[in-house]
Amino acid sequence: MTPREVLALCREKDVKAVDLRFCDLLGTWQHFTIPVNRLDEATFEDGLGFDGSSIRGWQSIHESDMLLVPQSNTAFLDPFAALPTLALIGNVQDPVTGEPYSRDPRHIAQKAANYLKLTGIADTAFFGPEAEFFVFDDVRFDARQNEAYYHVDSREGEWNRGRAESPNRGYKLRQKEGYFPCPPADQGMDLRSEMMQAMLDCGLAVEAHHHEVASGGQGEIDLRYQPLVTMADWLLIYKYVVRNVARRHGLAATFMPKPLFGDNGSGMHVHFSLWRESEPLFSGGGYAGLSEIGLWAIGGILKHAPALLALTNPTTNSYKRLVPGYEAPVNLVYSQRNRSAACRIPMYSQSPEAKRVEFRCPDATCNPYLALAAITMAAIDGIQLKISPGAAIDQDLYHLSETQLAEVPKTPATLDEALGALERDCEFLLKADVFTPDVIETWVRYKREHEVAALRLRPHPLEFCMYFDA
């Protein structure tokens, strides 16, 4: 859609307001709104000013002025605004130099897509992530000097089987048995269908939705694969829709990886393939129907996985999901069909166009621009250096002996470990200035100061259970 077409759409739909959006370094959508009469064709060239010093991980107060330049091809009608509103995603620029801002995550994703083309390896990286989430009826939490707690509740949670609901209808999902049951056990079907329709109305292509494994309102909606930057845009729209449809019904949606103890967490399995001149490059005659390029891409992802996870699994809570026993991929190996491996080759179709790699570690708390860009850079590095992924493991990794498991490389156990891995292994991200040193340094510093240290310094409620009488 061109700027002129955007303006025509505003007239056709009687749009009254234009919402301008961008993504901060950590992955949260930010926005400000203008009346529609302030939007003209020049706006798509000149941009609009905002204060960059108030955005996490961005400018200092003495250099706070920034420009947001809306991108006409991102336009969609906001399905939640009371006033007819058009949303536009923008790129961030320095107002003095006119250059793209190095810490703008969307710019980093665009650089990764462009670098892929410059290498000659491929011209398109397609991504099809499967973002999981929980929908809760009630959420309460706090952390103060003298108390810390959380409480979440779901009408379908196993823990509510005995609750007096006047009457309790009994259909509560048992732990780890939430995958695919029909209503009334699946009490979120209509809600997810409404989310799906809202996504379609926003221009997203949806493939399917379903209940996920955990009790207590876990779901998944799958998007049709798209190029890197488009899919990162879509993931932010996806999260916006999920949260706001839930809110419309008096519910709360979260992409937090592990909100419930003892049940499956929420991941974001990322399906990934490279194409050149409309031809798939991962299909071949090797293991699981993969080409050498496909296997080298896996080699790059597995080699750099500890560093990747600092970007694809960027919260302290992410590592409470990455533990054995919950389908979480803690083993840095690859396999066809095997969901306990970090990289899986889906075998649903033998079509060359369907041949892809599924990186199962990430979760949806990531900044999608940074996560998808980093996966692309790891794959490129694997292909350029012809990194072998080693031998595939088709056994159930959780049933290997302790001796066998000891030889299998593992994901980092904490965010701090992953940040350390990123500091040691970031050269593959710095190629062609896709990620810049200031981005890596800012990311690591912010995460350590505001998240790792914040959790480490505070007493945990479970510590009172374990140690109060010590």
Protein backbone atom coordinates (compact mmCIF):
# COMPACT_ATOMS: atom_id res chain seq x y z
CA MET A 1 0.00 0.00 0.00
CA THR A 2 1.39 3.40 -0.99
CA PRO A 3 1.02 6.60 1.05
CA ARG A 4 -1.63 7.80 -1.39
CA GLU A 5 -3.54 4.53 -0.95
CA VAL A 6 -3.32 4.88 2.84
CA LEU A 7 -4.87 8.34 2.64
CA ALA A 8 -7.60 7.00 0.34
CA LEU A 9 -8.30 4.20 2.85
CA CYS A 10 -8.65 6.81 5.60
CA ARG A 11 -11.29 8.63 3.56
CA GLU A 12 -13.08 5.40 2.60
CA LYS A 13 -13.30 4.14 6.20
CA ASP A 14 -13.96 7.60 7.67
CA VAL A 15 -10.86 7.29 9.85
CA LYS A 16 -10.63 9.94 12.57
CA ALA A 17 -7.28 9.11 14.20
CA VAL A 18 -3.95 7.63 13.15
CA ASP A 19 -2.00 5.57 15.70
CA LEU A 20 1.76 5.52 15.11
CA ARG A 21 3.64 2.57 16.58
CA PHE A 22 7.21 1.42 17.10
CA CYS A 23 8.97 -1.24 19.14
CA ASP A 24 11.33 -0.47 22.01
CA LEU A 25 14.56 -2.39 22.51
CA LEU A 26 12.98 -4.96 24.82
CA GLY A 27 10.09 -5.76 22.47
CA THR A 28 7.16 -3.69 23.75
CA TRP A 29 5.01 -1.75 21.31
CA GLN A 30 4.92 2.00 21.95
CA HIS A 31 2.53 4.46 20.30
CA PHE A 32 1.19 7.98 19.98
CA THR A 33 -1.90 9.19 18.14
CA ILE A 34 -2.59 12.09 15.78
CA PRO A 35 -5.80 13.36 14.18
CA VAL A 36 -6.17 12.06 10.67
CA ASN A 37 -5.85 15.56 9.17
CA ARG A 38 -2.21 15.65 10.33
CA LEU A 39 -1.35 12.70 8.06
CA ASP A 40 -0.33 13.57 4.51
CA GLU A 41 2.08 12.17 1.95
CA ALA A 42 4.94 14.27 3.37
CA THR A 43 4.55 12.53 6.75
CA PHE A 44 5.75 9.28 5.17
CA GLU A 45 8.97 11.06 4.18
CA ASP A 46 9.57 13.54 6.99
CA GLY A 47 8.27 11.57 9.96
CA LEU A 48 7.04 12.90 13.31
CA GLY A 49 9.07 13.77 16.39
CA PHE A 50 9.00 12.09 19.81
CA ASP A 51 11.09 11.86 22.99
CA GLY A 52 13.54 8.95 22.71
CA SER A 53 14.93 9.41 26.23
CA SER A 54 11.75 8.00 27.78
CA ILE A 55 12.05 4.70 25.87
CA ARG A 56 13.84 1.83 27.63
CA GLY A 57 17.39 1.29 26.41
CA TRP A 58 17.36 4.27 24.03
CA GLN A 59 18.63 7.85 24.05
CA SER A 60 20.07 9.97 26.84
CA ILE A 61 18.05 13.01 27.89
CA HIS A 62 20.53 15.43 26.26
CA GLU A 63 19.97 13.78 22.84
CA SER A 64 16.35 12.80 23.21
CA ASP A 65 14.75 14.03 19.96
CA MET A 66 13.90 11.20 17.55
CA LEU A 67 11.82 10.82 14.39
CA LEU A 68 9.24 8.14 13.68
CA VAL A 69 8.73 7.59 9.95
CA PRO A 70 5.51 5.65 9.26
CA GLN A 71 5.67 2.83 6.73
CA SER A 72 2.64 2.85 4.44
CA ASN A 73 2.74 -0.90 3.77
CA THR A 74 2.06 -1.64 7.46
CA ALA A 75 -1.33 0.08 7.62
CA PHE A 76 -4.29 -1.66 9.26
CA LEU A 77 -7.53 -0.60 10.92
CA ASP A 78 -7.38 -0.99 14.69
CA PRO A 79 -10.25 -3.33 15.67
CA PHE A 80 -10.27 -2.17 19.31
CA ALA A 81 -10.31 1.62 19.13
CA ALA A 82 -13.65 3.30 19.89
CA LEU A 83 -12.88 6.05 17.37
CA PRO A 84 -12.19 4.80 13.79
CA THR A 85 -8.40 4.51 13.91
CA LEU A 86 -5.73 3.52 11.40
CA ALA A 87 -2.51 2.03 12.79
CA LEU A 88 0.89 2.47 11.13
CA ILE A 89 4.21 0.92 12.16
CA GLY A 90 7.20 3.22 11.78
CA ASN A 91 10.97 3.21 11.47
CA VAL A 92 13.01 5.35 13.86
CA GLN A 93 15.54 7.89 12.61
CA ASP A 94 18.00 10.37 14.07
CA PRO A 95 16.55 13.82 13.29
CA VAL A 96 19.97 15.44 12.88
CA THR A 97 21.68 12.95 10.57
CA GLY A 98 18.56 11.41 9.02
CA GLU A 99 20.15 8.00 9.55
CA PRO A 100 18.22 4.99 10.86
CA TYR A 101 18.61 4.61 14.61
CA SER A 102 21.02 1.78 15.49
CA ARG A 103 18.87 0.60 18.41
CA ASP A 104 15.61 0.53 16.45
CA PRO A 105 14.80 -3.21 16.46
CA ARG A 106 12.90 -2.98 13.17
CA HIS A 107 15.97 -1.45 11.52
CA ILE A 108 18.09 -4.34 12.83
CA ALA A 109 15.65 -6.84 11.30
CA GLN A 110 15.76 -4.98 7.98
CA LYS A 111 19.57 -5.07 8.04
CA ALA A 112 19.51 -8.84 8.65
CA ALA A 113 17.16 -9.37 5.69
CA ASN A 114 19.37 -7.18 3.49
CA TYR A 115 22.56 -8.91 4.62
CA LEU A 116 21.07 -12.29 3.68
CA LYS A 117 20.60 -11.01 0.13
CA LEU A 118 24.12 -9.54 0.01
CA THR A 119 25.66 -12.90 0.92
CA GLY A 120 24.11 -14.46 -2.20
CA ILE A 121 22.95 -17.42 -0.11
CA ALA A 122 19.27 -16.56 -0.39
CA ASP A 123 16.98 -13.62 -1.02
CA THR A 124 14.26 -14.44 1.54
CA ALA A 125 14.11 -15.86 5.05
CA PHE A 126 10.63 -17.15 5.78
CA PHE A 127 9.42 -17.49 9.37
CA GLY A 128 6.36 -19.21 10.79
CA PRO A 129 6.36 -18.88 14.61
CA GLU A 130 3.87 -20.65 16.87
CA ALA A 131 3.37 -18.31 19.82
CA GLU A 132 1.68 -19.82 22.88
CA PHE A 133 -0.08 -17.90 25.63
CA PHE A 134 -2.29 -18.25 28.71
CA VAL A 135 -5.64 -16.57 29.29
CA PHE A 136 -6.54 -16.10 32.96
CA ASP A 137 -9.77 -15.01 34.66
CA ASP A 138 -7.96 -13.31 37.53
CA VAL A 139 -4.39 -12.10 38.01
CA ARG A 140 -2.88 -10.52 41.14
CA PHE A 141 0.78 -10.01 41.99
CA ASP A 142 3.11 -7.70 43.85
CA ALA A 143 6.68 -7.49 45.18
CA ARG A 144 7.29 -5.08 48.08
CA GLN A 145 9.81 -4.70 50.87
CA ASN A 146 7.77 -6.93 53.18
CA GLU A 147 5.81 -9.19 50.83
CA ALA A 148 5.91 -10.88 47.45
CA TYR A 149 3.26 -13.03 45.86
CA TYR A 150 1.34 -13.91 42.70
CA HIS A 151 -2.06 -15.44 42.12
CA VAL A 152 -3.54 -16.48 38.77
CA ASP A 153 -6.81 -18.26 38.19
CA SER A 154 -8.62 -19.90 35.29
CA ARG A 155 -12.12 -21.29 35.03
CA GLU A 156 -10.72 -24.44 33.40
CA GLY A 157 -7.77 -24.91 35.76
CA GLU A 158 -7.36 -28.34 37.31
CA TRP A 159 -7.05 -26.71 40.74
CA ASN A 160 -10.69 -25.56 40.52
CA ARG A 161 -12.28 -29.01 40.34
CA GLY A 162 -13.53 -28.68 43.92
CA ARG A 163 -14.40 -24.97 43.92
CA ALA A 164 -17.97 -23.98 44.77
CA GLU A 165 -19.08 -22.31 41.54
CA SER A 166 -22.85 -22.62 42.07
CA PRO A 167 -22.73 -24.93 40.19
CA ASN A 168 -19.31 -26.28 39.19
CA ARG A 169 -19.80 -28.01 35.81
CA GLY A 170 -16.76 -30.19 36.33
CA TYR A 171 -14.94 -29.74 33.01
CA LYS A 172 -11.47 -28.85 34.27
CA LEU A 173 -8.42 -29.84 32.27
CA ARG A 174 -5.94 -32.15 33.96
CA GLN A 175 -2.28 -31.10 33.96
CA LYS A 176 -0.57 -31.73 30.62
CA GLU A 177 -3.85 -32.95 29.03
CA GLY A 178 -5.00 -29.73 27.41
CA TYR A 179 -3.87 -30.53 23.86
CA PHE A 180 -6.82 -30.65 21.42
CA PRO A 181 -9.86 -31.59 23.59
CA CYS A 182 -13.19 -30.32 22.24
CA PRO A 183 -15.54 -28.07 24.23
CA PRO A 184 -16.73 -28.07 26.94
CA ALA A 185 -13.26 -29.13 28.14
CA ASP A 186 -11.75 -26.50 25.86
CA GLN A 187 -13.43 -23.40 27.25
CA GLY A 188 -11.41 -20.98 25.12
CA MET A 189 -12.50 -22.01 21.63
CA ASP A 190 -14.84 -19.06 20.98
CA LEU A 191 -12.35 -16.62 22.47
CA ARG A 192 -9.55 -17.87 20.21
CA SER A 193 -11.87 -17.77 17.19
CA GLU A 194 -12.57 -14.11 17.97
CA MET A 195 -8.83 -13.49 18.23
CA MET A 196 -8.33 -15.27 14.90
CA GLN A 197 -10.97 -13.11 13.19
CA ALA A 198 -9.47 -9.92 14.61
CA MET A 199 -6.08 -10.96 13.24
CA LEU A 200 -7.62 -11.62 9.84
CA ASP A 201 -9.27 -8.19 9.98
CA CYS A 202 -5.82 -6.68 10.63
CA GLY A 203 -4.46 -8.37 7.48
CA LEU A 204 -2.69 -11.34 9.09
CA ALA A 205 -2.90 -14.79 7.50
CA VAL A 206 -3.94 -17.36 10.10
CA GLU A 207 -3.56 -21.11 9.62
CA ALA A 208 -5.17 -22.60 12.74
CA HIS A 209 -5.83 -22.19 16.46
CA HIS A 210 -6.13 -24.72 19.27
CA HIS A 211 -5.84 -25.32 23.00
CA GLU A 212 -2.33 -26.12 24.16
CA VAL A 213 -1.05 -28.77 26.56
CA ALA A 214 -1.34 -27.00 29.91
CA SER A 215 -4.38 -26.74 32.12
CA GLY A 216 -5.60 -23.25 32.95
CA GLY A 217 -6.28 -21.57 29.61
CA GLN A 218 -3.24 -22.16 27.40
CA GLY A 219 -3.73 -21.56 23.67
CA GLU A 220 -1.97 -21.13 20.36
CA ILE A 221 -2.83 -19.39 17.09
CA ASP A 222 -0.60 -20.16 14.10
CA LEU A 223 0.29 -17.62 11.42
CA ARG A 224 1.12 -18.36 7.78
CA TYR A 225 4.85 -17.99 7.12
CA GLN A 226 6.11 -14.57 6.00
CA PRO A 227 9.44 -12.82 5.31
CA LEU A 228 11.48 -11.78 8.35
CA VAL A 229 10.42 -8.13 8.85
CA THR A 230 6.79 -8.77 7.96
CA MET A 231 6.54 -11.63 10.44
CA ALA A 232 8.12 -9.55 13.20
CA ASP A 233 5.50 -6.84 12.50
CA TRP A 234 2.80 -9.51 12.56
CA LEU A 235 3.94 -10.92 15.90
CA LEU A 236 3.46 -7.53 17.54
CA ILE A 237 -0.01 -7.27 16.00
CA TYR A 238 -0.66 -10.87 17.16
CA LYS A 239 0.20 -10.05 20.78
CA TYR A 240 -1.82 -6.84 20.62
CA VAL A 241 -4.87 -8.73 19.37
CA VAL A 242 -4.60 -11.58 21.88
CA ARG A 243 -4.34 -9.20 24.82
CA ASN A 244 -7.13 -6.90 23.71
CA VAL A 245 -9.65 -9.58 22.77
CA ALA A 246 -9.04 -11.14 26.19
CA ARG A 247 -9.50 -7.74 27.85
CA ARG A 248 -12.75 -7.22 25.93
CA HIS A 249 -14.09 -10.29 27.75
CA GLY A 250 -12.81 -9.31 31.19
CA LEU A 251 -9.86 -11.72 30.92
CA ALA A 252 -6.08 -11.29 30.92
CA ALA A 253 -3.71 -12.85 28.38
CA THR A 254 -0.01 -13.36 29.05
CA PHE A 255 2.93 -14.60 26.99
CA MET A 256 4.97 -15.19 30.15
CA PRO A 257 6.70 -18.54 29.53
CA LYS A 258 6.08 -20.20 32.92
CA PRO A 259 3.18 -18.72 34.91
CA LEU A 260 2.12 -22.12 36.33
CA PHE A 261 4.31 -24.48 38.34
CA GLY A 262 4.19 -28.16 37.39
CA ASP A 263 2.58 -27.77 33.96
CA ASN A 264 3.80 -26.98 30.45
CA GLY A 265 5.02 -23.46 29.76
CA SER A 266 4.46 -21.24 26.73
CA GLY A 267 7.07 -21.26 23.98
CA MET A 268 7.28 -19.91 20.46
CA HIS A 269 8.47 -22.65 18.12
CA VAL A 270 10.00 -20.86 15.13
CA HIS A 271 9.70 -22.55 11.72
CA PHE A 272 12.36 -21.21 9.40
CA SER A 273 13.49 -21.68 5.78
CA LEU A 274 15.60 -19.89 3.19
CA TRP A 275 14.58 -19.32 -0.42
CA ARG A 276 16.29 -17.95 -3.53
CA GLU A 277 14.42 -16.84 -6.65
CA SER A 278 11.23 -18.52 -5.38
CA GLU A 279 13.02 -21.85 -4.87
CA PRO A 280 13.31 -23.52 -1.43
CA LEU A 281 16.91 -24.10 -0.34
CA PHE A 282 16.40 -26.47 2.60
CA SER A 283 15.05 -29.38 0.55
CA GLY A 284 17.55 -32.04 -0.54
CA GLY A 285 18.68 -35.62 -0.30
CA GLY A 286 20.23 -35.58 3.16
CA TYR A 287 18.90 -36.48 6.59
CA ALA A 288 15.12 -35.90 6.87
CA GLY A 289 15.10 -34.63 3.28
CA LEU A 290 17.37 -31.68 4.05
CA SER A 291 19.92 -30.09 1.76
CA GLU A 292 23.50 -29.31 2.81
CA ILE A 293 22.44 -25.68 3.24
CA GLY A 294 19.65 -26.76 5.57
CA LEU A 295 22.01 -28.88 7.66
CA TRP A 296 24.62 -26.10 7.82
CA ALA A 297 21.91 -23.66 8.93
CA ILE A 298 21.06 -26.05 11.78
CA GLY A 299 24.78 -26.26 12.58
CA GLY A 300 24.94 -22.48 12.92
CA ILE A 301 21.85 -22.30 15.11
CA LEU A 302 23.05 -25.08 17.42
CA LYS A 303 26.58 -23.65 17.66
CA HIS A 304 25.32 -20.20 18.59
CA ALA A 305 22.26 -21.34 20.57
CA PRO A 306 23.56 -20.34 24.04
CA ALA A 307 24.12 -16.78 22.77
CA LEU A 308 20.91 -16.78 20.71
CA LEU A 309 18.87 -17.58 23.79
CA ALA A 310 19.85 -14.25 25.37
CA LEU A 311 17.69 -12.72 22.61
CA THR A 312 15.12 -15.44 21.89
CA ASN A 313 14.50 -16.29 25.58
CA PRO A 314 15.19 -12.93 27.20
CA THR A 315 13.54 -13.16 30.63
CA THR A 316 14.49 -14.82 33.89
CA ASN A 317 11.16 -16.66 33.67
CA SER A 318 12.14 -18.09 30.27
CA TYR A 319 14.54 -20.51 31.97
CA LYS A 320 11.83 -21.89 34.24
CA ARG A 321 10.25 -23.25 31.05
CA LEU A 322 13.53 -24.64 29.67
CA VAL A 323 13.70 -27.61 32.03
CA PRO A 324 13.39 -31.35 31.28
CA GLY A 325 10.02 -33.07 31.35
CA TYR A 326 7.67 -30.51 29.78
CA GLU A 327 8.37 -30.85 26.03
CA ALA A 328 10.78 -27.97 26.48
CA PRO A 329 13.82 -28.34 24.20
CA VAL A 330 16.78 -28.18 26.57
CA ASN A 331 19.01 -30.41 24.41
CA LEU A 332 21.03 -28.66 21.70
CA VAL A 333 20.67 -31.36 19.05
CA TYR A 334 18.49 -31.87 15.98
CA SER A 335 16.05 -34.55 14.93
CA GLN A 336 13.17 -35.29 12.63
CA ARG A 337 9.83 -35.32 14.42
CA ASN A 338 11.41 -35.40 17.90
CA ARG A 339 10.01 -32.55 20.02
CA SER A 340 12.61 -32.91 22.75
CA ALA A 341 15.36 -31.61 20.41
CA ALA A 342 16.19 -27.92 20.04
CA CYS A 343 15.93 -28.16 16.24
CA ARG A 344 13.27 -30.36 14.69
CA ILE A 345 12.56 -31.11 11.05
CA PRO A 346 8.77 -31.43 10.69
CA MET A 347 7.74 -34.36 8.49
CA TYR A 348 4.06 -33.56 7.87
CA SER A 349 4.71 -33.02 4.16
CA GLN A 350 7.40 -34.24 1.79
CA SER A 351 6.93 -31.27 -0.54
CA PRO A 352 10.19 -29.33 -1.12
CA GLU A 353 8.30 -26.09 -0.38
CA ALA A 354 7.36 -27.40 3.06
CA LYS A 355 10.89 -28.38 4.07
CA ARG A 356 11.92 -26.24 7.02
CA VAL A 357 13.68 -26.23 10.37
CA GLU A 358 11.80 -25.68 13.62
CA PHE A 359 13.85 -23.98 16.34
CA ARG A 360 11.92 -24.90 19.48
CA CYS A 361 13.73 -22.93 22.17
CA PRO A 362 12.34 -19.38 21.78
CA ASP A 363 9.40 -17.91 23.64
CA ALA A 364 7.13 -14.97 22.85
CA THR A 365 8.60 -12.61 25.47
CA CYS A 366 11.34 -11.96 22.92
CA ASN A 367 11.59 -8.86 20.78
CA PRO A 368 10.55 -10.48 17.47
CA TYR A 369 12.73 -8.21 15.34
CA LEU A 370 15.86 -9.08 17.32
CA ALA A 371 15.02 -12.77 17.73
CA LEU A 372 14.26 -13.48 14.07
CA ALA A 373 17.24 -11.39 12.95
CA ALA A 374 19.56 -13.30 15.30
CA ILE A 375 18.29 -16.70 14.10
CA THR A 376 18.91 -15.57 10.52
CA MET A 377 22.45 -14.44 11.34
CA ALA A 378 23.24 -17.74 13.09
CA ALA A 379 21.97 -19.70 10.07
CA ILE A 380 24.01 -17.54 7.68
CA ASP A 381 27.13 -18.13 9.77
CA GLY A 382 26.51 -21.87 9.72
CA ILE A 383 26.14 -21.86 5.93
CA GLN A 384 29.16 -19.63 5.31
CA LEU A 385 31.41 -21.74 7.55
CA LYS A 386 29.74 -25.05 6.58
CA ILE A 387 29.19 -25.92 10.23
CA SER A 388 28.14 -29.53 10.66
CA PRO A 389 25.30 -30.05 13.12
CA GLY A 390 26.76 -33.46 14.03
CA ALA A 391 24.71 -36.62 14.16
CA ALA A 392 20.95 -36.41 14.54
CA ILE A 393 19.35 -37.99 17.62
CA ASP A 394 16.00 -39.66 16.96
CA GLN A 395 15.57 -41.26 20.39
CA ASP A 396 13.45 -39.74 23.16
CA LEU A 397 16.13 -37.61 24.75
CA TYR A 398 14.44 -37.79 28.14
CA HIS A 399 14.86 -41.58 28.15
CA LEU A 400 18.60 -41.60 27.49
CA SER A 401 20.88 -42.84 30.23
CA GLU A 402 22.68 -40.32 32.44
CA THR A 403 25.93 -41.19 30.67
CA GLN A 404 24.40 -40.55 27.26
CA LEU A 405 22.70 -37.33 28.39
CA ALA A 406 25.94 -36.00 29.85
CA GLU A 407 27.36 -35.90 26.30
CA VAL A 408 24.45 -33.87 24.92
CA PRO A 409 24.99 -30.07 25.03
CA LYS A 410 22.30 -28.18 26.93
CA THR A 411 20.67 -24.77 26.84
CA PRO A 412 21.79 -22.23 29.46
CA ALA A 413 20.10 -22.74 32.80
CA THR A 414 19.59 -19.03 33.53
CA LEU A 415 19.31 -15.71 31.74
CA ASP A 416 22.63 -14.65 33.26
CA GLU A 417 24.32 -17.67 31.66
CA ALA A 418 22.79 -16.81 28.29
CA LEU A 419 23.93 -13.18 28.58
CA GLY A 420 27.44 -14.39 29.31
CA ALA A 421 27.30 -16.60 26.22
CA LEU A 422 26.17 -13.61 24.14
CA GLU A 423 29.11 -11.53 25.38
CA ARG A 424 31.53 -14.30 24.41
CA ASP A 425 29.87 -15.18 21.11
CA CYS A 426 28.47 -12.16 19.28
CA GLU A 427 30.75 -11.84 16.24
CA PHE A 428 28.22 -13.61 14.02
CA LEU A 429 25.65 -10.93 14.93
CA LEU A 430 28.02 -8.04 14.23
CA LYS A 431 28.65 -8.96 10.60
CA ALA A 432 27.76 -6.08 8.25
CA ASP A 433 26.77 -4.05 11.34
CA VAL A 434 23.44 -5.89 11.53
CA PHE A 435 23.72 -5.81 15.30
CA THR A 436 26.07 -3.11 16.52
CA PRO A 437 28.26 -3.33 19.64
CA ASP A 438 26.19 -0.64 21.37
CA VAL A 439 23.04 -2.75 20.88
CA ILE A 440 24.66 -5.85 22.38
CA GLU A 441 26.22 -3.90 25.24
CA THR A 442 22.99 -2.05 26.05
CA TRP A 443 20.97 -5.26 25.93
CA VAL A 444 23.30 -7.14 28.28
CA ARG A 445 23.67 -4.24 30.70
CA TYR A 446 19.92 -3.57 30.88
CA LYS A 447 19.03 -7.23 31.39
CA ARG A 448 21.64 -7.72 34.10
CA GLU A 449 20.81 -4.53 36.00
CA HIS A 450 17.03 -4.50 35.73
CA GLU A 451 16.13 -8.19 35.61
CA VAL A 452 18.87 -10.61 36.69
CA ALA A 453 20.00 -8.54 39.69
CA ALA A 454 16.43 -7.55 40.60
CA LEU A 455 15.43 -11.19 41.00
CA ARG A 456 18.65 -12.29 42.66
CA LEU A 457 18.43 -9.66 45.40
CA ARG A 458 14.88 -10.36 46.52
CA PRO A 459 13.65 -13.08 48.89
CA HIS A 460 11.44 -15.64 47.14
CA PRO A 461 8.16 -16.83 48.73
CA LEU A 462 9.32 -20.43 48.44
CA GLU A 463 12.36 -19.59 50.57
CA PHE A 464 10.00 -18.92 53.47
CA CYS A 465 8.51 -22.40 53.00
CA MET A 466 11.96 -23.95 52.99
CA TYR A 467 13.96 -21.87 55.45
CA PHE A 468 11.78 -19.88 57.87
CA ASP A 469 12.28 -22.42 60.66
CA ALA A 470 15.91 -23.14 59.87
